[in-house]
Amino acid sequence: MDYLQHDILPDDHAEAQKTRIRAPQYAMVKGTLYRKGYTAPWLKCIDGTTGKLAQKEAHVGSAGAHKGARALTGRILRMGLYWPDIHQDVLELIRTFLECKTISPIQAVLPSNLTSIVSHWPFYQWGIDIVGPFPEAPGKVKLLIVTVDYFTK
């Protein structure tokens, strides 16, 4: 905040370099610090204690749904809030709730390495599937053929 408001850098050279690199992601608007977000235009920067209240509201509040860590983090970011340790704080919160541990689904499939589909050029390999049948209505389609080009998806 000191760098954005008054161009004051930390004394440590490494910290000053980090501050210069990270500064374009942030902006001060009427004394409030905002960060550029990936899914939202600007995220309001808050401290950790306010963040803990926000994550509890998003997790168990009136609109809470006891979601997993990734979904809860995304929900908080869509609320327009940000703090540096958001991911670690959400993981800690999820681990403390017994309901989340007992209700969470058990992984039925063992984890394995992903295999990529290699297509050398566009329209080299196709995937074709038939979707349907749809409810019958006059003049409507009964089946749908879906094609996917593996190069461009």
N, C-alpha and C. Protein backbone atom coordinates (compact mmCIF):
# COMPACT_ATOMS: atom_id res chain seq x y z
N MET A 1 0.83 -1.19 0.00
CA MET A 1 0.00 0.00 0.00
C MET A 1 0.87 1.25 0.00
N ASP A 2 2.01 1.19 0.73
CA ASP A 2 2.90 2.34 0.75
C ASP A 2 3.46 2.63 -0.64
N TYR A 3 3.76 1.58 -1.39
CA TYR A 3 4.31 1.77 -2.73
C TYR A 3 3.26 2.36 -3.67
N LEU A 4 2.02 1.89 -3.58
CA LEU A 4 0.97 2.40 -4.46
C LEU A 4 0.58 3.84 -4.12
N GLN A 5 0.61 4.18 -2.83
CA GLN A 5 0.19 5.52 -2.43
C GLN A 5 1.32 6.54 -2.49
N HIS A 6 2.51 6.15 -1.99
CA HIS A 6 3.58 7.13 -1.81
C HIS A 6 4.88 6.73 -2.50
N ASP A 7 4.91 5.68 -3.29
CA ASP A 7 6.12 5.18 -3.96
C ASP A 7 7.25 4.87 -2.98
N ILE A 8 6.90 4.28 -1.83
CA ILE A 8 7.90 3.91 -0.83
C ILE A 8 8.13 2.41 -0.94
N LEU A 9 9.39 2.02 -1.20
CA LEU A 9 9.76 0.62 -1.34
C LEU A 9 10.40 0.11 -0.05
N PRO A 10 10.33 -1.20 0.21
CA PRO A 10 11.02 -1.77 1.37
C PRO A 10 12.54 -1.60 1.25
N ASP A 11 13.24 -1.67 2.38
CA ASP A 11 14.69 -1.49 2.39
C ASP A 11 15.40 -2.69 1.76
N ASP A 12 14.88 -3.89 1.94
CA ASP A 12 15.49 -5.09 1.39
C ASP A 12 15.33 -5.09 -0.14
N HIS A 13 16.44 -5.33 -0.85
CA HIS A 13 16.42 -5.27 -2.31
C HIS A 13 15.48 -6.33 -2.91
N ALA A 14 15.51 -7.55 -2.37
CA ALA A 14 14.65 -8.62 -2.90
C ALA A 14 13.17 -8.30 -2.69
N GLU A 15 12.83 -7.78 -1.52
CA GLU A 15 11.44 -7.40 -1.25
C GLU A 15 11.01 -6.24 -2.12
N ALA A 16 11.91 -5.31 -2.37
CA ALA A 16 11.60 -4.18 -3.24
C ALA A 16 11.33 -4.65 -4.66
N GLN A 17 12.10 -5.62 -5.13
CA GLN A 17 11.89 -6.17 -6.47
C GLN A 17 10.54 -6.88 -6.56
N LYS A 18 10.19 -7.67 -5.53
CA LYS A 18 8.88 -8.35 -5.49
C LYS A 18 7.75 -7.33 -5.50
N THR A 19 7.92 -6.26 -4.75
CA THR A 19 6.89 -5.22 -4.68
C THR A 19 6.68 -4.58 -6.05
N ARG A 20 7.77 -4.26 -6.74
CA ARG A 20 7.66 -3.67 -8.07
C ARG A 20 6.97 -4.61 -9.06
N ILE A 21 7.26 -5.90 -8.96
CA ILE A 21 6.67 -6.88 -9.88
C ILE A 21 5.18 -7.07 -9.59
N ARG A 22 4.81 -7.13 -8.32
CA ARG A 22 3.41 -7.40 -7.94
C ARG A 22 2.52 -6.16 -7.97
N ALA A 23 3.08 -4.99 -7.97
CA ALA A 23 2.30 -3.75 -7.88
C ALA A 23 1.28 -3.57 -9.00
N PRO A 24 1.56 -3.93 -10.25
CA PRO A 24 0.54 -3.72 -11.29
C PRO A 24 -0.74 -4.53 -11.09
N GLN A 25 -0.70 -5.57 -10.24
CA GLN A 25 -1.90 -6.37 -9.97
C GLN A 25 -2.83 -5.67 -8.99
N TYR A 26 -2.38 -4.61 -8.36
CA TYR A 26 -3.15 -3.95 -7.31
C TYR A 26 -3.45 -2.51 -7.67
N ALA A 27 -4.50 -1.96 -7.03
CA ALA A 27 -4.86 -0.55 -7.22
C ALA A 27 -5.50 -0.04 -5.94
N MET A 28 -5.27 1.24 -5.65
CA MET A 28 -5.90 1.89 -4.51
C MET A 28 -7.05 2.74 -5.02
N VAL A 29 -8.25 2.51 -4.48
CA VAL A 29 -9.42 3.29 -4.85
C VAL A 29 -10.04 3.81 -3.56
N LYS A 30 -9.98 5.13 -3.37
CA LYS A 30 -10.54 5.79 -2.19
C LYS A 30 -10.04 5.15 -0.89
N GLY A 31 -8.75 4.86 -0.82
CA GLY A 31 -8.16 4.32 0.40
C GLY A 31 -8.35 2.83 0.59
N THR A 32 -8.95 2.13 -0.35
CA THR A 32 -9.17 0.69 -0.25
C THR A 32 -8.32 -0.01 -1.30
N LEU A 33 -7.67 -1.09 -0.89
CA LEU A 33 -6.80 -1.84 -1.78
C LEU A 33 -7.61 -2.89 -2.54
N TYR A 34 -7.43 -2.93 -3.87
CA TYR A 34 -8.10 -3.90 -4.72
C TYR A 34 -7.06 -4.65 -5.52
N ARG A 35 -7.38 -5.90 -5.86
CA ARG A 35 -6.49 -6.75 -6.66
C ARG A 35 -7.22 -7.18 -7.92
N LYS A 36 -6.51 -7.23 -9.04
CA LYS A 36 -7.11 -7.73 -10.27
C LYS A 36 -7.39 -9.21 -10.11
N GLY A 37 -8.60 -9.63 -10.50
CA GLY A 37 -8.96 -11.03 -10.40
C GLY A 37 -9.04 -11.69 -11.75
N TYR A 38 -9.05 -13.01 -11.75
CA TYR A 38 -9.16 -13.76 -13.00
C TYR A 38 -10.60 -13.84 -13.45
N THR A 39 -11.51 -14.07 -12.50
CA THR A 39 -12.92 -14.22 -12.85
C THR A 39 -13.73 -12.98 -12.56
N ALA A 40 -13.24 -12.11 -11.71
CA ALA A 40 -13.95 -10.88 -11.36
C ALA A 40 -13.06 -9.70 -11.74
N PRO A 41 -13.66 -8.56 -12.07
CA PRO A 41 -12.83 -7.41 -12.47
C PRO A 41 -11.87 -6.96 -11.36
N TRP A 42 -12.35 -6.73 -10.15
CA TRP A 42 -11.51 -6.31 -9.04
C TRP A 42 -11.94 -7.04 -7.78
N LEU A 43 -10.99 -7.48 -6.98
CA LEU A 43 -11.26 -8.16 -5.72
C LEU A 43 -10.80 -7.26 -4.58
N LYS A 44 -11.67 -7.05 -3.59
CA LYS A 44 -11.33 -6.20 -2.46
C LYS A 44 -10.40 -6.97 -1.53
N CYS A 45 -9.26 -6.39 -1.21
CA CYS A 45 -8.29 -7.02 -0.32
C CYS A 45 -8.71 -6.79 1.12
N ILE A 46 -8.79 -7.88 1.87
CA ILE A 46 -9.17 -7.81 3.28
C ILE A 46 -8.12 -8.53 4.11
N ASP A 47 -8.16 -8.33 5.43
CA ASP A 47 -7.20 -9.01 6.29
C ASP A 47 -7.70 -10.42 6.62
N GLY A 48 -6.85 -11.19 7.29
CA GLY A 48 -7.15 -12.59 7.57
C GLY A 48 -8.35 -12.79 8.49
N THR A 49 -8.53 -11.92 9.48
CA THR A 49 -9.66 -12.11 10.41
C THR A 49 -10.99 -11.85 9.72
N THR A 50 -11.06 -10.83 8.89
CA THR A 50 -12.27 -10.59 8.11
C THR A 50 -12.47 -11.71 7.10
N GLY A 51 -11.37 -12.25 6.57
CA GLY A 51 -11.44 -13.36 5.64
C GLY A 51 -12.01 -14.61 6.28
N LYS A 52 -11.65 -14.86 7.54
CA LYS A 52 -12.19 -16.03 8.23
C LYS A 52 -13.70 -15.90 8.42
N LEU A 53 -14.18 -14.70 8.71
CA LEU A 53 -15.63 -14.50 8.82
C LEU A 53 -16.31 -14.70 7.47
N ALA A 54 -15.68 -14.22 6.40
CA ALA A 54 -16.26 -14.37 5.07
C ALA A 54 -16.32 -15.83 4.65
N GLN A 55 -15.26 -16.58 4.95
CA GLN A 55 -15.27 -17.99 4.54
C GLN A 55 -16.24 -18.81 5.38
N LYS A 56 -16.43 -18.47 6.64
CA LYS A 56 -17.44 -19.18 7.43
C LYS A 56 -18.84 -18.88 6.91
N GLU A 57 -19.09 -17.63 6.52
CA GLU A 57 -20.39 -17.28 5.96
C GLU A 57 -20.63 -18.01 4.64
N ALA A 58 -19.60 -18.10 3.81
CA ALA A 58 -19.74 -18.78 2.53
C ALA A 58 -19.88 -20.29 2.71
N HIS A 59 -19.33 -20.84 3.79
CA HIS A 59 -19.34 -22.29 3.99
C HIS A 59 -20.58 -22.77 4.74
N VAL A 60 -20.91 -22.10 5.85
CA VAL A 60 -22.03 -22.57 6.67
C VAL A 60 -23.11 -21.53 6.88
N GLY A 61 -22.99 -20.36 6.25
CA GLY A 61 -23.95 -19.29 6.45
C GLY A 61 -25.29 -19.59 5.81
N SER A 62 -26.09 -18.57 5.65
CA SER A 62 -27.44 -18.73 5.11
C SER A 62 -27.42 -19.29 3.70
N ALA A 63 -26.38 -19.00 2.93
CA ALA A 63 -26.28 -19.52 1.57
C ALA A 63 -25.18 -20.57 1.45
N GLY A 64 -24.67 -21.04 2.57
CA GLY A 64 -23.58 -22.01 2.56
C GLY A 64 -24.05 -23.39 2.15
N ALA A 65 -23.13 -24.18 1.61
CA ALA A 65 -23.50 -25.50 1.13
C ALA A 65 -22.47 -26.56 1.51
N HIS A 66 -21.57 -26.28 2.44
CA HIS A 66 -20.53 -27.23 2.85
C HIS A 66 -19.82 -27.80 1.64
N LYS A 67 -19.31 -26.94 0.79
CA LYS A 67 -18.60 -27.37 -0.41
C LYS A 67 -17.15 -27.66 -0.10
N GLY A 68 -16.44 -28.21 -1.07
CA GLY A 68 -15.03 -28.52 -0.91
C GLY A 68 -14.18 -27.26 -0.96
N ALA A 69 -12.87 -27.46 -0.80
CA ALA A 69 -11.95 -26.33 -0.71
C ALA A 69 -11.90 -25.52 -2.00
N ARG A 70 -11.83 -26.19 -3.14
CA ARG A 70 -11.74 -25.47 -4.41
C ARG A 70 -13.03 -24.68 -4.69
N ALA A 71 -14.17 -25.31 -4.46
CA ALA A 71 -15.45 -24.64 -4.71
C ALA A 71 -15.65 -23.47 -3.74
N LEU A 72 -15.25 -23.65 -2.49
CA LEU A 72 -15.40 -22.59 -1.50
C LEU A 72 -14.47 -21.41 -1.82
N THR A 73 -13.25 -21.70 -2.25
CA THR A 73 -12.34 -20.62 -2.64
C THR A 73 -12.90 -19.85 -3.82
N GLY A 74 -13.43 -20.55 -4.81
CA GLY A 74 -14.04 -19.88 -5.95
C GLY A 74 -15.24 -19.04 -5.56
N ARG A 75 -16.02 -19.54 -4.60
CA ARG A 75 -17.19 -18.78 -4.15
C ARG A 75 -16.78 -17.48 -3.46
N ILE A 76 -15.74 -17.55 -2.65
CA ILE A 76 -15.25 -16.34 -1.97
C ILE A 76 -14.71 -15.34 -2.98
N LEU A 77 -13.98 -15.83 -3.98
CA LEU A 77 -13.46 -14.93 -5.01
C LEU A 77 -14.60 -14.31 -5.81
N ARG A 78 -15.67 -15.08 -6.07
CA ARG A 78 -16.82 -14.51 -6.77
C ARG A 78 -17.57 -13.51 -5.91
N MET A 79 -17.42 -13.61 -4.59
CA MET A 79 -18.00 -12.60 -3.70
C MET A 79 -17.23 -11.28 -3.81
N GLY A 80 -16.05 -11.32 -4.45
CA GLY A 80 -15.26 -10.11 -4.65
C GLY A 80 -14.27 -9.85 -3.54
N LEU A 81 -13.86 -10.90 -2.81
CA LEU A 81 -12.93 -10.74 -1.69
C LEU A 81 -11.64 -11.49 -1.97
N TYR A 82 -10.54 -10.99 -1.41
CA TYR A 82 -9.23 -11.62 -1.58
C TYR A 82 -8.36 -11.31 -0.37
N TRP A 83 -7.57 -12.29 0.04
CA TRP A 83 -6.48 -12.11 0.98
C TRP A 83 -5.39 -13.10 0.60
N PRO A 84 -4.14 -12.84 0.95
CA PRO A 84 -3.03 -13.65 0.41
C PRO A 84 -3.09 -15.14 0.75
N ASP A 85 -3.53 -15.52 1.93
CA ASP A 85 -3.54 -16.93 2.33
C ASP A 85 -4.91 -17.57 2.19
N ILE A 86 -5.67 -17.19 1.18
CA ILE A 86 -7.05 -17.66 1.04
C ILE A 86 -7.11 -19.18 0.90
N HIS A 87 -6.23 -19.76 0.11
CA HIS A 87 -6.28 -21.20 -0.13
C HIS A 87 -5.96 -22.01 1.13
N GLN A 88 -4.92 -21.60 1.86
CA GLN A 88 -4.56 -22.31 3.08
C GLN A 88 -5.64 -22.16 4.15
N ASP A 89 -6.22 -20.96 4.28
CA ASP A 89 -7.26 -20.74 5.28
C ASP A 89 -8.50 -21.57 4.98
N VAL A 90 -8.86 -21.69 3.72
CA VAL A 90 -10.04 -22.48 3.36
C VAL A 90 -9.79 -23.96 3.65
N LEU A 91 -8.59 -24.45 3.35
CA LEU A 91 -8.27 -25.85 3.65
C LEU A 91 -8.34 -26.12 5.15
N GLU A 92 -7.84 -25.20 5.96
CA GLU A 92 -7.90 -25.36 7.42
C GLU A 92 -9.35 -25.38 7.90
N LEU A 93 -10.18 -24.50 7.34
CA LEU A 93 -11.59 -24.46 7.74
C LEU A 93 -12.29 -25.77 7.39
N ILE A 94 -12.06 -26.28 6.20
CA ILE A 94 -12.71 -27.51 5.76
C ILE A 94 -12.31 -28.68 6.65
N ARG A 95 -11.05 -28.71 7.06
CA ARG A 95 -10.56 -29.82 7.90
C ARG A 95 -11.16 -29.80 9.30
N THR A 96 -11.66 -28.65 9.76
CA THR A 96 -12.19 -28.57 11.11
C THR A 96 -13.64 -29.01 11.21
N PHE A 97 -14.39 -29.06 10.09
CA PHE A 97 -15.80 -29.41 10.13
C PHE A 97 -15.99 -30.91 10.02
N LEU A 98 -16.60 -31.51 11.05
CA LEU A 98 -16.87 -32.94 11.04
C LEU A 98 -17.90 -33.30 9.98
N GLU A 99 -18.88 -32.40 9.74
CA GLU A 99 -19.91 -32.68 8.73
C GLU A 99 -19.29 -32.84 7.35
N CYS A 100 -18.31 -32.02 7.04
CA CYS A 100 -17.67 -32.09 5.73
C CYS A 100 -16.89 -33.39 5.57
N LYS A 101 -16.31 -33.89 6.67
CA LYS A 101 -15.55 -35.13 6.59
C LYS A 101 -16.47 -36.33 6.42
N THR A 102 -17.61 -36.33 7.09
CA THR A 102 -18.49 -37.50 7.05
C THR A 102 -19.36 -37.54 5.81
N ILE A 103 -19.71 -36.38 5.25
CA ILE A 103 -20.60 -36.34 4.09
C ILE A 103 -19.82 -36.42 2.79
N SER A 104 -18.55 -36.06 2.80
CA SER A 104 -17.79 -35.99 1.55
C SER A 104 -17.76 -37.35 0.86
N PRO A 105 -17.87 -37.35 -0.47
CA PRO A 105 -17.90 -38.62 -1.19
C PRO A 105 -16.54 -39.30 -1.17
N ILE A 106 -16.56 -40.62 -1.17
CA ILE A 106 -15.34 -41.41 -1.20
C ILE A 106 -14.94 -41.58 -2.66
N GLN A 107 -13.66 -41.43 -2.94
CA GLN A 107 -13.18 -41.58 -4.30
C GLN A 107 -13.36 -43.01 -4.75
N ALA A 108 -14.17 -43.23 -5.77
CA ALA A 108 -14.43 -44.58 -6.28
C ALA A 108 -13.35 -45.02 -7.26
N VAL A 109 -12.73 -44.08 -7.95
CA VAL A 109 -11.73 -44.40 -8.95
C VAL A 109 -10.36 -44.08 -8.38
N LEU A 110 -9.44 -45.00 -8.50
CA LEU A 110 -8.09 -44.75 -8.04
C LEU A 110 -7.43 -43.70 -8.92
N PRO A 111 -6.63 -42.82 -8.34
CA PRO A 111 -5.98 -41.80 -9.16
C PRO A 111 -4.97 -42.45 -10.11
N SER A 112 -4.93 -41.95 -11.31
CA SER A 112 -3.97 -42.45 -12.30
C SER A 112 -3.50 -41.28 -13.14
N ASN A 113 -2.44 -41.50 -13.86
CA ASN A 113 -1.90 -40.45 -14.71
C ASN A 113 -2.85 -40.18 -15.87
N LEU A 114 -2.96 -38.92 -16.25
CA LEU A 114 -3.77 -38.56 -17.40
C LEU A 114 -3.00 -38.88 -18.68
N THR A 115 -3.73 -39.33 -19.68
CA THR A 115 -3.10 -39.58 -20.97
C THR A 115 -3.65 -38.57 -21.96
N SER A 116 -2.77 -37.93 -22.66
CA SER A 116 -3.19 -36.92 -23.61
C SER A 116 -3.51 -37.59 -24.95
N ILE A 117 -4.42 -36.96 -25.69
CA ILE A 117 -4.77 -37.42 -27.02
C ILE A 117 -3.98 -36.56 -28.00
N VAL A 118 -3.14 -37.18 -28.78
CA VAL A 118 -2.28 -36.45 -29.70
C VAL A 118 -2.91 -36.45 -31.08
N SER A 119 -3.18 -35.28 -31.58
CA SER A 119 -3.66 -35.11 -32.93
C SER A 119 -2.69 -34.18 -33.64
N HIS A 120 -2.18 -34.61 -34.78
CA HIS A 120 -1.08 -33.90 -35.42
C HIS A 120 -1.51 -32.64 -36.14
N TRP A 121 -2.71 -32.56 -36.66
CA TRP A 121 -3.19 -31.38 -37.35
C TRP A 121 -4.71 -31.34 -37.26
N PRO A 122 -5.32 -30.21 -37.55
CA PRO A 122 -6.78 -30.11 -37.44
C PRO A 122 -7.48 -31.13 -38.35
N PHE A 123 -8.57 -31.66 -37.86
CA PHE A 123 -9.43 -32.62 -38.55
C PHE A 123 -8.74 -33.94 -38.84
N TYR A 124 -7.66 -34.26 -38.10
CA TYR A 124 -6.97 -35.53 -38.26
C TYR A 124 -7.72 -36.64 -37.53
N GLN A 125 -8.26 -36.32 -36.36
CA GLN A 125 -8.97 -37.30 -35.56
C GLN A 125 -10.26 -36.69 -35.05
N TRP A 126 -11.35 -37.46 -35.14
CA TRP A 126 -12.67 -36.99 -34.76
C TRP A 126 -13.26 -37.90 -33.70
N GLY A 127 -14.14 -37.33 -32.90
CA GLY A 127 -14.98 -38.10 -31.99
C GLY A 127 -16.43 -37.85 -32.36
N ILE A 128 -17.21 -38.91 -32.51
CA ILE A 128 -18.62 -38.77 -32.91
C ILE A 128 -19.48 -39.47 -31.87
N ASP A 129 -20.57 -38.82 -31.48
CA ASP A 129 -21.49 -39.39 -30.50
C ASP A 129 -22.91 -39.04 -30.91
N ILE A 130 -23.85 -39.92 -30.54
CA ILE A 130 -25.27 -39.69 -30.80
C ILE A 130 -25.94 -39.40 -29.47
N VAL A 131 -26.64 -38.28 -29.39
CA VAL A 131 -27.34 -37.87 -28.18
C VAL A 131 -28.83 -37.99 -28.43
N GLY A 132 -29.55 -38.58 -27.49
CA GLY A 132 -31.00 -38.69 -27.65
C GLY A 132 -31.46 -40.04 -27.17
N PRO A 133 -32.67 -40.41 -27.36
CA PRO A 133 -33.73 -39.68 -28.05
C PRO A 133 -34.32 -38.58 -27.18
N PHE A 134 -34.73 -37.49 -27.83
CA PHE A 134 -35.37 -36.38 -27.16
C PHE A 134 -36.88 -36.59 -27.14
N PRO A 135 -37.61 -35.90 -26.26
CA PRO A 135 -39.07 -36.02 -26.27
C PRO A 135 -39.63 -35.61 -27.63
N GLU A 136 -40.57 -36.39 -28.10
CA GLU A 136 -41.11 -36.14 -29.43
C GLU A 136 -42.03 -34.93 -29.42
N ALA A 137 -41.84 -34.08 -30.42
CA ALA A 137 -42.69 -32.92 -30.65
C ALA A 137 -42.73 -32.70 -32.15
N PRO A 138 -43.83 -32.20 -32.68
CA PRO A 138 -43.91 -32.01 -34.13
C PRO A 138 -42.85 -31.02 -34.62
N GLY A 139 -42.10 -31.42 -35.62
CA GLY A 139 -41.08 -30.57 -36.22
C GLY A 139 -39.79 -30.48 -35.44
N LYS A 140 -39.61 -31.27 -34.39
CA LYS A 140 -38.40 -31.22 -33.57
C LYS A 140 -37.52 -32.42 -33.89
N VAL A 141 -36.24 -32.33 -33.54
CA VAL A 141 -35.31 -33.42 -33.80
C VAL A 141 -35.49 -34.53 -32.78
N LYS A 142 -35.22 -35.76 -33.21
CA LYS A 142 -35.33 -36.91 -32.33
C LYS A 142 -33.97 -37.29 -31.77
N LEU A 143 -32.95 -37.23 -32.61
CA LEU A 143 -31.58 -37.55 -32.21
C LEU A 143 -30.66 -36.41 -32.65
N LEU A 144 -29.49 -36.35 -32.02
CA LEU A 144 -28.52 -35.31 -32.34
C LEU A 144 -27.15 -35.97 -32.49
N ILE A 145 -26.45 -35.68 -33.57
CA ILE A 145 -25.10 -36.19 -33.78
C ILE A 145 -24.12 -35.10 -33.40
N VAL A 146 -23.21 -35.41 -32.47
CA VAL A 146 -22.23 -34.45 -31.98
C VAL A 146 -20.86 -34.91 -32.46
N THR A 147 -20.10 -34.01 -33.08
CA THR A 147 -18.75 -34.32 -33.52
C THR A 147 -17.77 -33.38 -32.86
N VAL A 148 -16.58 -33.92 -32.52
CA VAL A 148 -15.53 -33.14 -31.88
C VAL A 148 -14.22 -33.39 -32.61
N ASP A 149 -13.56 -32.31 -33.00
CA ASP A 149 -12.23 -32.40 -33.59
C ASP A 149 -11.23 -32.41 -32.45
N TYR A 150 -10.38 -33.44 -32.35
CA TYR A 150 -9.49 -33.59 -31.20
C TYR A 150 -8.36 -32.55 -31.19
N PHE A 151 -8.01 -31.95 -32.31
CA PHE A 151 -6.94 -30.96 -32.35
C PHE A 151 -7.38 -29.65 -31.72
N THR A 152 -8.56 -29.16 -32.11
CA THR A 152 -9.04 -27.87 -31.62
C THR A 152 -10.07 -28.00 -30.53
N LYS A 153 -10.57 -29.20 -30.28
CA LYS A 153 -11.60 -29.49 -29.28
C LYS A 153 -12.88 -28.71 -29.59
